[in-house]
C-alpha atoms as a PDB file:
ATOM      1  CA  MET A   1      -7.913  -5.973   9.913  1.00  0.00           C
ATOM      2  CA  THR A   2      -4.228  -6.525   9.277  1.00  0.00           C
ATOM      3  CA  THR A   3      -1.754  -5.944  11.874  1.00  0.00           C
ATOM      4  CA  GLY A   4       1.990  -5.063  12.039  1.00  0.00           C
ATOM      5  CA  SER A   5       2.525  -8.388  13.358  1.00  0.00           C
ATOM      6  CA  GLU A   6       1.005 -10.026  10.195  1.00  0.00           C
ATOM      7  CA  TRP A   7       3.066  -7.774   7.861  1.00  0.00           C
ATOM      8  CA  GLN A   8       6.131  -9.211   9.708  1.00  0.00           C
ATOM      9  CA  ALA A   9       5.326 -12.547   9.227  1.00  0.00           C
ATOM     10  CA  ARG A  10       2.703 -14.330   6.726  1.00  0.00           C
ATOM     11  CA  VAL A  11       1.237 -11.093   4.958  1.00  0.00           C
ATOM     12  CA  GLY A  12       4.791  -9.797   4.464  1.00  0.00           C
ATOM     13  CA  ARG A  13       6.151 -13.039   3.125  1.00  0.00           C
ATOM     14  CA  ALA A  14       3.208 -13.129   0.791  1.00  0.00           C
ATOM     15  CA  TRP A  15       3.745  -9.680  -0.761  1.00  0.00           C
ATOM     16  CA  ALA A  16       7.512 -10.267  -1.022  1.00  0.00           C
ATOM     17  CA  ASP A  17       6.895 -13.405  -3.013  1.00  0.00           C
ATOM     18  CA  GLU A  18       4.183 -11.836  -5.268  1.00  0.00           C
ATOM     19  CA  TRP A  19       5.843  -8.278  -5.623  1.00  0.00           C
ATOM     20  CA  ARG A  20       5.543  -8.677  -9.436  1.00  0.00           C
ATOM     21  CA  ARG A  21       1.778  -9.090  -9.410  1.00  0.00           C
ATOM     22  CA  THR A  22       1.123  -6.422  -6.607  1.00  0.00           C
ATOM     23  CA  ASP A  23       3.215  -3.849  -8.679  1.00  0.00           C
ATOM     24  CA  ARG A  24       1.024  -4.766 -11.525  1.00  0.00           C
ATOM     25  CA  SER A  25      -2.118  -4.468  -9.643  1.00  0.00           C
ATOM     26  CA  PHE A  26      -1.305  -0.931  -8.841  1.00  0.00           C
ATOM     27  CA  ALA A  27       0.160  -0.139 -12.353  1.00  0.00           C
ATOM     28  CA  GLY A  28      -2.767   2.321 -13.214  1.00  0.00           C
ATOM     29  CA  LEU A  29      -2.296   4.272 -10.057  1.00  0.00           C
ATOM     30  CA  THR A  30       1.371   4.538  -9.556  1.00  0.00           C
ATOM     31  CA  PRO A  31       1.872   7.155 -12.419  1.00  0.00           C
ATOM     32  CA  HIS A  32      -0.821   9.376 -10.906  1.00  0.00           C
ATOM     33  CA  LEU A  33       1.114   9.103  -7.637  1.00  0.00           C
ATOM     34  CA  LEU A  34       4.525   9.701  -9.255  1.00  0.00           C
ATOM     35  CA  SER A  35       2.997  12.727 -11.121  1.00  0.00           C
ATOM     36  CA  ALA A  36       1.990  14.230  -7.821  1.00  0.00           C
ATOM     37  CA  ILE A  37       5.339  13.507  -6.244  1.00  0.00           C
ATOM     38  CA  ALA A  38       7.198  15.169  -9.119  1.00  0.00           C
ATOM     39  CA  ASP A  39       4.982  18.455  -8.235  1.00  0.00           C
ATOM     40  CA  GLU A  40       6.909  18.636  -4.855  1.00  0.00           C
ATOM     41  CA  PRO A  41       9.969  19.933  -3.940  1.00  0.00           C
ATOM     42  CA  GLY A  42      12.721  17.534  -1.923  1.00  0.00           C
ATOM     43  CA  GLU A  43      15.971  16.172  -2.164  1.00  0.00           C
ATOM     44  CA  ARG A  44      15.936  13.767   0.943  1.00  0.00           C
ATOM     45  CA  VAL A  45      12.752  11.506   0.295  1.00  0.00           C
ATOM     46  CA  LEU A  46      11.617   8.947   2.739  1.00  0.00           C
ATOM     47  CA  ASP A  47       8.903   6.216   1.588  1.00  0.00           C
ATOM     48  CA  LEU A  48       6.910   4.834   4.307  1.00  0.00           C
ATOM     49  CA  GLY A  49       5.894   1.449   3.968  1.00  0.00           C
ATOM     50  CA  CYS A  50       8.063   0.905   0.929  1.00  0.00           C
ATOM     51  CA  GLY A  51       7.073  -2.642   0.522  1.00  0.00           C
ATOM     52  CA  ALA A  52       9.229  -4.082  -2.328  1.00  0.00           C
ATOM     53  CA  GLY A  53      10.301  -0.852  -3.481  1.00  0.00           C
ATOM     54  CA  GLU A  54       8.806   0.034  -6.523  1.00  0.00           C
ATOM     55  CA  LEU A  55       7.816   3.572  -5.527  1.00  0.00           C
ATOM     56  CA  SER A  56      11.142   4.249  -4.075  1.00  0.00           C
ATOM     57  CA  LEU A  57      13.258   3.089  -6.879  1.00  0.00           C
ATOM     58  CA  ALA A  58      10.962   5.153  -9.267  1.00  0.00           C
ATOM     59  CA  VAL A  59      11.340   8.188  -7.179  1.00  0.00           C
ATOM     60  CA  ALA A  60      15.233   7.758  -7.233  1.00  0.00           C
ATOM     61  CA  ALA A  61      14.967   7.284 -10.879  1.00  0.00           C
ATOM     62  CA  MET A  62      13.224  10.586 -11.628  1.00  0.00           C
ATOM     63  CA  ARG A  63      15.452  12.563  -8.830  1.00  0.00           C
ATOM     64  CA  PRO A  64      19.076  11.209  -9.480  1.00  0.00           C
ATOM     65  CA  GLY A  65      20.422  13.636  -7.247  1.00  0.00           C
ATOM     66  CA  ALA A  66      18.262  13.155  -4.297  1.00  0.00           C
ATOM     67  CA  ARG A  67      18.587  10.554  -1.441  1.00  0.00           C
ATOM     68  CA  VAL A  68      15.745   8.043  -1.502  1.00  0.00           C
ATOM     69  CA  VAL A  69      14.976   5.954   1.736  1.00  0.00           C
ATOM     70  CA  GLY A  70      12.695   3.358   2.079  1.00  0.00           C
ATOM     71  CA  VAL A  71      11.188   1.773   5.235  1.00  0.00           C
ATOM     72  CA  ASP A  72       8.962  -1.207   5.803  1.00  0.00           C
ATOM     73  CA  VAL A  73       8.300  -3.493   9.064  1.00  0.00           C
ATOM     74  CA  SER A  74       8.678  -6.455   6.756  1.00  0.00           C
ATOM     75  CA  GLY A  75      11.911  -7.832   6.637  1.00  0.00           C
ATOM     76  CA  ASP A  76      10.965 -10.127   3.805  1.00  0.00           C
ATOM     77  CA  LEU A  77       9.772  -7.021   1.749  1.00  0.00           C
ATOM     78  CA  ILE A  78      13.008  -5.091   2.489  1.00  0.00           C
ATOM     79  CA  ALA A  79      15.074  -8.112   1.217  1.00  0.00           C
ATOM     80  CA  ALA A  80      12.947  -8.002  -2.029  1.00  0.00           C
ATOM     81  CA  ALA A  81      13.379  -4.192  -2.452  1.00  0.00           C
ATOM     82  CA  ARG A  82      17.284  -4.784  -2.032  1.00  0.00           C
ATOM     83  CA  ALA A  83      17.515  -7.523  -4.344  1.00  0.00           C
ATOM     84  CA  ARG A  84      15.626  -5.359  -7.104  1.00  0.00           C
ATOM     85  CA  SER A  85      17.646  -2.314  -6.609  1.00  0.00           C
ATOM     86  CA  VAL A  86      20.305  -1.323  -8.811  1.00  0.00           C
ATOM     87  CA  GLY A  87      21.141   1.704  -6.865  1.00  0.00           C
ATOM     88  CA  GLY A  88      19.562   4.855  -6.254  1.00  0.00           C
ATOM     89  CA  ALA A  89      17.723   3.991  -3.092  1.00  0.00           C
ATOM     90  CA  VAL A  90      18.446   2.768   0.561  1.00  0.00           C
ATOM     91  CA  PHE A  91      16.337   0.521   2.320  1.00  0.00           C
ATOM     92  CA  HIS A  92      15.953   0.075   6.056  1.00  0.00           C
ATOM     93  CA  HIS A  93      13.923  -2.717   7.915  1.00  0.00           C
ATOM     94  CA  ALA A  94      12.199  -0.330  10.219  1.00  0.00           C
ATOM     95  CA  ASP A  95       9.024   0.855  11.891  1.00  0.00           C
ATOM     96  CA  ALA A  96       8.041   4.224  10.510  1.00  0.00           C
ATOM     97  CA  GLY A  97       6.577   5.115  13.677  1.00  0.00           C
ATOM     98  CA  ALA A  98      10.054   5.017  15.241  1.00  0.00           C
ATOM     99  CA  PHE A  99      12.578   5.542  12.393  1.00  0.00           C
ATOM    100  CA  VAL A 100      15.140   8.210  12.392  1.00  0.00           C
ATOM    101  CA  ASP A 101      17.331   8.644   9.426  1.00  0.00           C
ATOM    102  CA  PRO A 102      21.021   9.106  10.713  1.00  0.00           C
ATOM    103  CA  ASP A 103      21.684  10.695   7.440  1.00  0.00           C
ATOM    104  CA  GLY A 104      19.347  13.598   7.916  1.00  0.00           C
ATOM    105  CA  GLN A 105      15.958  14.781   7.979  1.00  0.00           C
ATOM    106  CA  PRO A 106      13.657  14.128   4.977  1.00  0.00           C
ATOM    107  CA  ASP A 107      12.140  17.202   3.372  1.00  0.00           C
ATOM    108  CA  LEU A 108       9.617  14.885   1.209  1.00  0.00           C
ATOM    109  CA  LEU A 109       7.493  11.841   2.453  1.00  0.00           C
ATOM    110  CA  VAL A 110       5.840   9.612   0.132  1.00  0.00           C
ATOM    111  CA  SER A 111       4.055   6.250   0.514  1.00  0.00           C
ATOM    112  CA  ARG A 112       2.141   4.049  -2.032  1.00  0.00           C
ATOM    113  CA  HIS A 113      -0.537   2.592   0.220  1.00  0.00           C
ATOM    114  CA  GLY A 114       1.651   2.224   3.100  1.00  0.00           C
ATOM    115  CA  VAL A 115       0.058   4.267   5.735  1.00  0.00           C
ATOM    116  CA  MET A 116      -3.332   2.489   6.477  1.00  0.00           C
ATOM    117  CA  PHE A 117      -1.807   0.032   8.762  1.00  0.00           C
ATOM    118  CA  PHE A 118      -0.233   2.231  11.420  1.00  0.00           C
ATOM    119  CA  ALA A 119      -1.585   0.954  14.859  1.00  0.00           C
ATOM    120  CA  ASP A 120      -1.787   4.366  16.314  1.00  0.00           C
ATOM    121  CA  PRO A 121      -1.802   6.820  13.198  1.00  0.00           C
ATOM    122  CA  PRO A 122      -1.901  10.302  15.233  1.00  0.00           C
ATOM    123  CA  ALA A 123       1.213   8.963  16.845  1.00  0.00           C
ATOM    124  CA  VAL A 124       2.866   7.925  13.896  1.00  0.00           C
ATOM    125  CA  PHE A 125       2.346  11.192  11.838  1.00  0.00           C
ATOM    126  CA  ARG A 126       3.073  13.169  14.818  1.00  0.00           C
ATOM    127  CA  HIS A 127       6.554  11.384  14.959  1.00  0.00           C
ATOM    128  CA  LEU A 128       7.115  11.830  11.260  1.00  0.00           C
ATOM    129  CA  ALA A 129       6.257  15.506  11.567  1.00  0.00           C
ATOM    130  CA  ALA A 130       8.943  16.022  14.414  1.00  0.00           C
ATOM    131  CA  MET A 131      11.626  14.123  12.730  1.00  0.00           C
ATOM    132  CA  ALA A 132      11.316  15.667   9.070  1.00  0.00           C
ATOM    133  CA  ALA A 133      12.639  18.899   7.923  1.00  0.00           C
ATOM    134  CA  PRO A 134      10.752  22.036   8.628  1.00  0.00           C
ATOM    135  CA  ALA A 135       7.883  22.443   6.407  1.00  0.00           C
ATOM    136  CA  ALA A 136       8.270  18.943   4.851  1.00  0.00           C
ATOM    137  CA  ARG A 137       5.657  17.822   2.355  1.00  0.00           C
ATOM    138  CA  MET A 138       4.054  14.432   2.470  1.00  0.00           C
ATOM    139  CA  VAL A 139       2.222  12.564  -0.679  1.00  0.00           C
ATOM    140  CA  PHE A 140       0.534   9.497  -0.292  1.00  0.00           C
ATOM    141  CA  SER A 141      -2.295   7.168  -1.842  1.00  0.00           C
ATOM    142  CA  CYS A 142      -4.799   5.165   0.056  1.00  0.00           C
ATOM    143  CA  PHE A 143      -8.106   3.428  -0.918  1.00  0.00           C
ATOM    144  CA  ARG A 144     -11.604   4.913  -1.021  1.00  0.00           C
ATOM    145  CA  SER A 145     -14.242   2.971   0.409  1.00  0.00           C
ATOM    146  CA  PRO A 146     -14.718  -0.787  -0.485  1.00  0.00           C
ATOM    147  CA  ARG A 147     -18.022   0.113  -2.324  1.00  0.00           C
ATOM    148  CA  GLU A 148     -15.519   1.737  -4.942  1.00  0.00           C
ATOM    149  CA  ASN A 149     -13.219  -1.074  -4.985  1.00  0.00           C
ATOM    150  CA  LEU A 150     -14.774  -4.169  -6.665  1.00  0.00           C
ATOM    151  CA  TRP A 151     -11.808  -6.164  -6.216  1.00  0.00           C
ATOM    152  CA  ALA A 152     -12.201  -6.185  -2.268  1.00  0.00           C
ATOM    153  CA  ARG A 153     -15.663  -7.636  -2.459  1.00  0.00           C
ATOM    154  CA  VAL A 154     -15.825  -9.412  -5.663  1.00  0.00           C
ATOM    155  CA  PHE A 155     -16.001 -12.939  -3.790  1.00  0.00           C
ATOM    156  CA  ALA A 156     -18.369 -11.859  -1.103  1.00  0.00           C
ATOM    157  CA  ASP A 157     -21.346 -14.318  -2.214  1.00  0.00           C
ATOM    158  CA  LEU A 158     -18.655 -17.189  -2.050  1.00  0.00           C
ATOM    159  CA  PHE A 159     -17.548 -16.470   1.646  1.00  0.00           C
ATOM    160  CA  PRO A 160     -19.760 -16.266   4.669  1.00  0.00           C
ATOM    161  CA  ALA A 161     -19.397 -12.832   6.475  1.00  0.00           C
ATOM    162  CA  LEU A 162     -16.718 -12.744   8.974  1.00  0.00           C
ATOM    163  CA  GLU A 163     -17.506 -12.222  12.479  1.00  0.00           C
ATOM    164  CA  PRO A 164     -17.620  -8.527  13.333  1.00  0.00           C
ATOM    165  CA  GLU A 165     -14.101  -7.144  14.151  1.00  0.00           C
ATOM    166  CA  PRO A 166     -13.554  -5.734  17.689  1.00  0.00           C
ATOM    167  CA  VAL A 167     -14.387  -1.835  17.698  1.00  0.00           C
ATOM    168  CA  ILE A 168     -10.778  -0.309  18.274  1.00  0.00           C
ATOM    169  CA  ARG A 169     -10.041   3.494  17.839  1.00  0.00           C
ATOM    170  CA  PHE A 170      -7.850   3.150  14.710  1.00  0.00           C
ATOM    171  CA  PRO A 171      -8.659  -0.064  12.891  1.00  0.00           C
ATOM    172  CA  ALA A 172      -5.854  -0.739  10.533  1.00  0.00           C
ATOM    173  CA  GLY A 173      -6.410  -2.314   7.291  1.00  0.00           C
ATOM    174  CA  PRO A 174      -6.519  -1.310   3.494  1.00  0.00           C
ATOM    175  CA  PHE A 175      -9.660   0.829   4.127  1.00  0.00           C
ATOM    176  CA  ALA A 176      -8.616   2.522   7.087  1.00  0.00           C
ATOM    177  CA  PHE A 177      -7.969   5.834   5.400  1.00  0.00           C
ATOM    178  CA  ALA A 178     -11.096   5.768   3.209  1.00  0.00           C
ATOM    179  CA  ASP A 179     -12.590   8.708   5.068  1.00  0.00           C
ATOM    180  CA  PRO A 180     -11.143  11.947   4.448  1.00  0.00           C
ATOM    181  CA  ALA A 181     -12.308  13.395   7.738  1.00  0.00           C
ATOM    182  CA  HIS A 182     -10.911  10.373   9.467  1.00  0.00           C
ATOM    183  CA  VAL A 183      -7.786  10.864   7.888  1.00  0.00           C
ATOM    184  CA  GLU A 184      -7.444  14.737   8.850  1.00  0.00           C
ATOM    185  CA  CYS A 185      -7.860  13.511  12.466  1.00  0.00           C
ATOM    186  CA  CYS A 186      -5.076  11.084  11.909  1.00  0.00           C
ATOM    187  CA  LEU A 187      -2.609  13.680  10.620  1.00  0.00           C
ATOM    188  CA  SER A 188      -1.519  14.815  13.990  1.00  0.00           C
ATOM    189  CA  GLY A 189       1.427  17.395  13.113  1.00  0.00           C
ATOM    190  CA  TRP A 190       0.494  17.957   9.498  1.00  0.00           C
ATOM    191  CA  ARG A 191      -1.604  20.821   8.067  1.00  0.00           C
ATOM    192  CA  ASP A 192      -3.599  21.917   4.778  1.00  0.00           C
ATOM    193  CA  ALA A 193      -4.215  18.151   3.711  1.00  0.00           C
ATOM    194  CA  THR A 194      -5.755  17.805   0.294  1.00  0.00           C
ATOM    195  CA  PHE A 195      -7.517  14.749  -1.142  1.00  0.00           C
ATOM    196  CA  THR A 196      -7.556  14.016  -5.137  1.00  0.00           C
ATOM    197  CA  PRO A 197      -9.600  11.184  -6.279  1.00  0.00           C
ATOM    198  CA  VAL A 198      -7.895   8.656  -8.742  1.00  0.00           C
ATOM    199  CA  ASP A 199      -9.860   5.782 -10.233  1.00  0.00           C
ATOM    200  CA  PHE A 200      -7.796   3.216 -12.053  1.00  0.00           C
ATOM    201  CA  GLN A 201      -8.097  -0.518 -12.813  1.00  0.00           C
ATOM    202  CA  TYR A 202      -6.708  -3.207 -10.442  1.00  0.00           C
ATOM    203  CA  VAL A 203      -5.059  -5.754 -12.495  1.00  0.00           C
ATOM    204  CA  ALA A 204      -5.358  -9.222 -11.034  1.00  0.00           C
ATOM    205  CA  GLY A 205      -4.655 -11.556 -13.722  1.00  0.00           C
ATOM    206  CA  GLY A 206      -2.643 -11.646 -17.040  1.00  0.00           C
ATOM    207  CA  GLY A 207      -0.580 -13.895 -19.211  1.00  0.00           C
ATOM    208  CA  ASP A 208      -1.598 -17.029 -20.920  1.00  0.00           C
ATOM    209  CA  ASP A 209      -4.138 -18.016 -18.468  1.00  0.00           C
ATOM    210  CA  PRO A 210      -5.393 -14.574 -16.729  1.00  0.00           C
ATOM    211  CA  VAL A 211      -8.010 -16.525 -14.707  1.00  0.00           C
ATOM    212  CA  ALA A 212      -5.843 -18.993 -13.487  1.00  0.00           C
ATOM    213  CA  ASP A 213      -3.424 -16.287 -12.751  1.00  0.00           C
ATOM    214  CA  ALA A 214      -5.788 -14.204 -10.845  1.00  0.00           C
ATOM    215  CA  ILE A 215      -6.852 -16.990  -8.730  1.00  0.00           C
ATOM    216  CA  GLY A 216      -2.912 -17.681  -7.968  1.00  0.00           C
ATOM    217  CA  PHE A 217      -2.937 -13.666  -6.905  1.00  0.00           C
ATOM    218  CA  PHE A 218      -5.994 -13.853  -4.831  1.00  0.00           C
ATOM    219  CA  SER A 219      -4.916 -16.819  -2.902  1.00  0.00           C
ATOM    220  CA  ARG A 220      -1.871 -15.086  -1.603  1.00  0.00           C
ATOM    221  CA  ILE A 221      -2.934 -11.369  -1.673  1.00  0.00           C
ATOM    222  CA  GLY A 222      -6.111  -9.755  -0.442  1.00  0.00           C
ATOM    223  CA  PRO A 223      -9.191 -10.388   1.615  1.00  0.00           C
ATOM    224  CA  VAL A 224      -9.625 -14.104   0.815  1.00  0.00           C
ATOM    225  CA  ALA A 225      -6.226 -15.439   0.909  1.00  0.00           C
ATOM    226  CA  ALA A 226      -6.116 -16.241   4.817  1.00  0.00           C
ATOM    227  CA  ARG A 227      -9.637 -17.934   4.490  1.00  0.00           C
ATOM    228  CA  LEU A 228      -8.409 -19.932   1.627  1.00  0.00           C
ATOM    229  CA  ALA A 229      -5.343 -21.123   3.480  1.00  0.00           C
ATOM    230  CA  ALA A 230      -7.307 -22.157   6.327  1.00  0.00           C
ATOM    231  CA  LEU A 231      -9.299 -24.809   4.053  1.00  0.00           C
ATOM    232  CA  ASP A 232      -8.208 -28.433   3.549  1.00  0.00           C
ATOM    233  CA  ASN A 233      -7.096 -29.310  -0.016  1.00  0.00           C
ATOM    234  CA  PRO A 234     -10.435 -30.512  -1.265  1.00  0.00           C
ATOM    235  CA  ALA A 235     -12.396 -27.519  -0.004  1.00  0.00           C
ATOM    236  CA  ARG A 236      -9.784 -25.198  -1.344  1.00  0.00           C
ATOM    237  CA  ALA A 237      -9.855 -26.552  -4.902  1.00  0.00           C
ATOM    238  CA  ALA A 238     -13.549 -26.259  -4.823  1.00  0.00           C
ATOM    239  CA  MET A 239     -13.640 -22.736  -3.659  1.00  0.00           C
ATOM    240  CA  GLN A 240     -11.072 -21.717  -6.365  1.00  0.00           C
ATOM    241  CA  ALA A 241     -13.122 -23.335  -9.085  1.00  0.00           C
ATOM    242  CA  ALA A 242     -16.011 -21.457  -7.835  1.00  0.00           C
ATOM    243  CA  MET A 243     -13.647 -18.154  -7.912  1.00  0.00           C
ATOM    244  CA  ALA A 244     -12.668 -19.058 -11.510  1.00  0.00           C
ATOM    245  CA  GLY A 245     -16.438 -18.602 -12.544  1.00  0.00           C
ATOM    246  CA  VAL A 246     -16.602 -15.084 -11.094  1.00  0.00           C
ATOM    247  CA  LEU A 247     -13.275 -14.152 -12.483  1.00  0.00           C
ATOM    248  CA  GLU A 248     -14.275 -15.160 -15.926  1.00  0.00           C
ATOM    249  CA  ARG A 249     -16.829 -12.415 -15.887  1.00  0.00           C
ATOM    250  CA  HIS A 250     -14.036  -9.943 -15.634  1.00  0.00           C
ATOM    251  CA  LEU A 251     -11.857 -11.229 -18.099  1.00  0.00           C
ATOM    252  CA  GLN A 252     -11.412  -8.633 -21.089  1.00  0.00           C
ATOM    253  CA  GLY A 253      -8.755  -7.872 -23.333  1.00  0.00           C
ATOM    254  CA  GLY A 254      -6.460 -10.427 -21.952  1.00  0.00           C
ATOM    255  CA  VAL A 255      -6.309  -9.327 -18.269  1.00  0.00           C
ATOM    256  CA  VAL A 256      -8.830  -9.702 -15.435  1.00  0.00           C
ATOM    257  CA  ALA A 257      -9.285  -6.343 -14.027  1.00  0.00           C
ATOM    258  CA  PHE A 258     -11.581  -4.623 -11.614  1.00  0.00           C
ATOM    259  CA  PRO A 259     -12.682  -0.867 -10.894  1.00  0.00           C
ATOM    260  CA  ALA A 260     -10.647   0.608  -8.091  1.00  0.00           C
ATOM    261  CA  ALA A 261     -10.601   3.977  -6.445  1.00  0.00           C
ATOM    262  CA  ALA A 262      -7.950   5.816  -4.502  1.00  0.00           C
ATOM    263  CA  TRP A 263      -7.044   9.173  -2.989  1.00  0.00           C
ATOM    264  CA  ILE A 264      -3.931  11.065  -3.406  1.00  0.00           C
ATOM    265  CA  VAL A 265      -3.210  12.875  -0.071  1.00  0.00           C
ATOM    266  CA  ARG A 266      -0.815  15.791   0.225  1.00  0.00           C
ATOM    267  CA  ALA A 267      -0.089  17.548   3.462  1.00  0.00           C
ATOM    268  CA  THR A 268       2.659  20.043   5.077  1.00  0.00           C
ATOM    269  CA  SER A 269       4.314  19.603   8.171  1.00  0.00           C
ATOM    270  CA  ASP A 270       3.255  21.971  10.948  1.00  0.00           C
ATOM    271  CA  ARG A 271       7.001  22.137  11.970  1.00  0.00           C
ATOM    272  CA  SER A 272       8.604  25.290  10.937  1.00  0.00           C
ATOM    273  CA  ASP A 273      12.086  27.142  11.443  1.00  0.00           C
ATOM    274  CA  ARG A 274      10.240  29.869  13.501  1.00  0.00           C
END
C-alpha cells in the first residue's frame, strides 16, 4: 500500500527524480489515454494526480484554447512539472480531495494512474463531482490485476512475501482499481462508467545498457524499491545482481519490457443543471 504521506515524501521525490523513466514506462499506454480524452468535450481540464505533468502538457498541446490544470499532493512532482512546462498548463500543489480551482469549474477531469491512491475514494470522487461543471466528463487510466502486469511480480521469487497488510475498506495502491465492480462503488457522484481494456509494454530499461538501466529504475520505482533501500550495501548489491539475471530474460530489441494491462475508465458527473 502506498499512502498519501509517502507520495509527499520518499515516493514523490523518487518519481520526480525519475520522471523521464516513468514517462517511458507508460509510453505504450499514454497514446490510448490521449485518444480517449480527445473524444471528449471540455475546455477546462483538471488532471488528477498529475505527477511530473506529461499528461497535462500533452492535453494542453492538443487543446491550445483550453485551460489545463494539474494537481498533485507531491511538491517535488509539481516542481518537476513546472520545470518542464513551457506554458499551456498550470500546476498546483494540492490534494485532489480538497482542491477547488478559483478560476472556474472543470468540465473534463483526466488522470493517468493518479486516482488509485486516494485514502477515501468515494469522498474524493463525490467532492470532484460537486466542484466540477454540471454533466462533466471524466477519463482516467488504472492498472488491471497484478496477474496481468508482469512488471509488478517479476522479482517475486527473489524477495520473501511481505507480511499481510492490515485490512482497510479502501486500500490505496497501484492495483486498488483493478476490479471494475470496486471502482463503480468508489465513483460516488458519477454515473455510466465504462471500462476499456488496454494492453501495452511496460518499458523498464533502455539505452546503452538496458539491464543496468532497468535495475536503476526498479531500485527507485515500484514494489521492490523500498525493500532494496532497507538493505545494507553488500546485500543490496547482491540482490541487484540477482535482479540482473531475471531482467536479462526480458531483454529484447534493445529494451527491457514487460506485459502490462490497464483500464481506461470514462464516467459522467451525476450533477446536472436541473
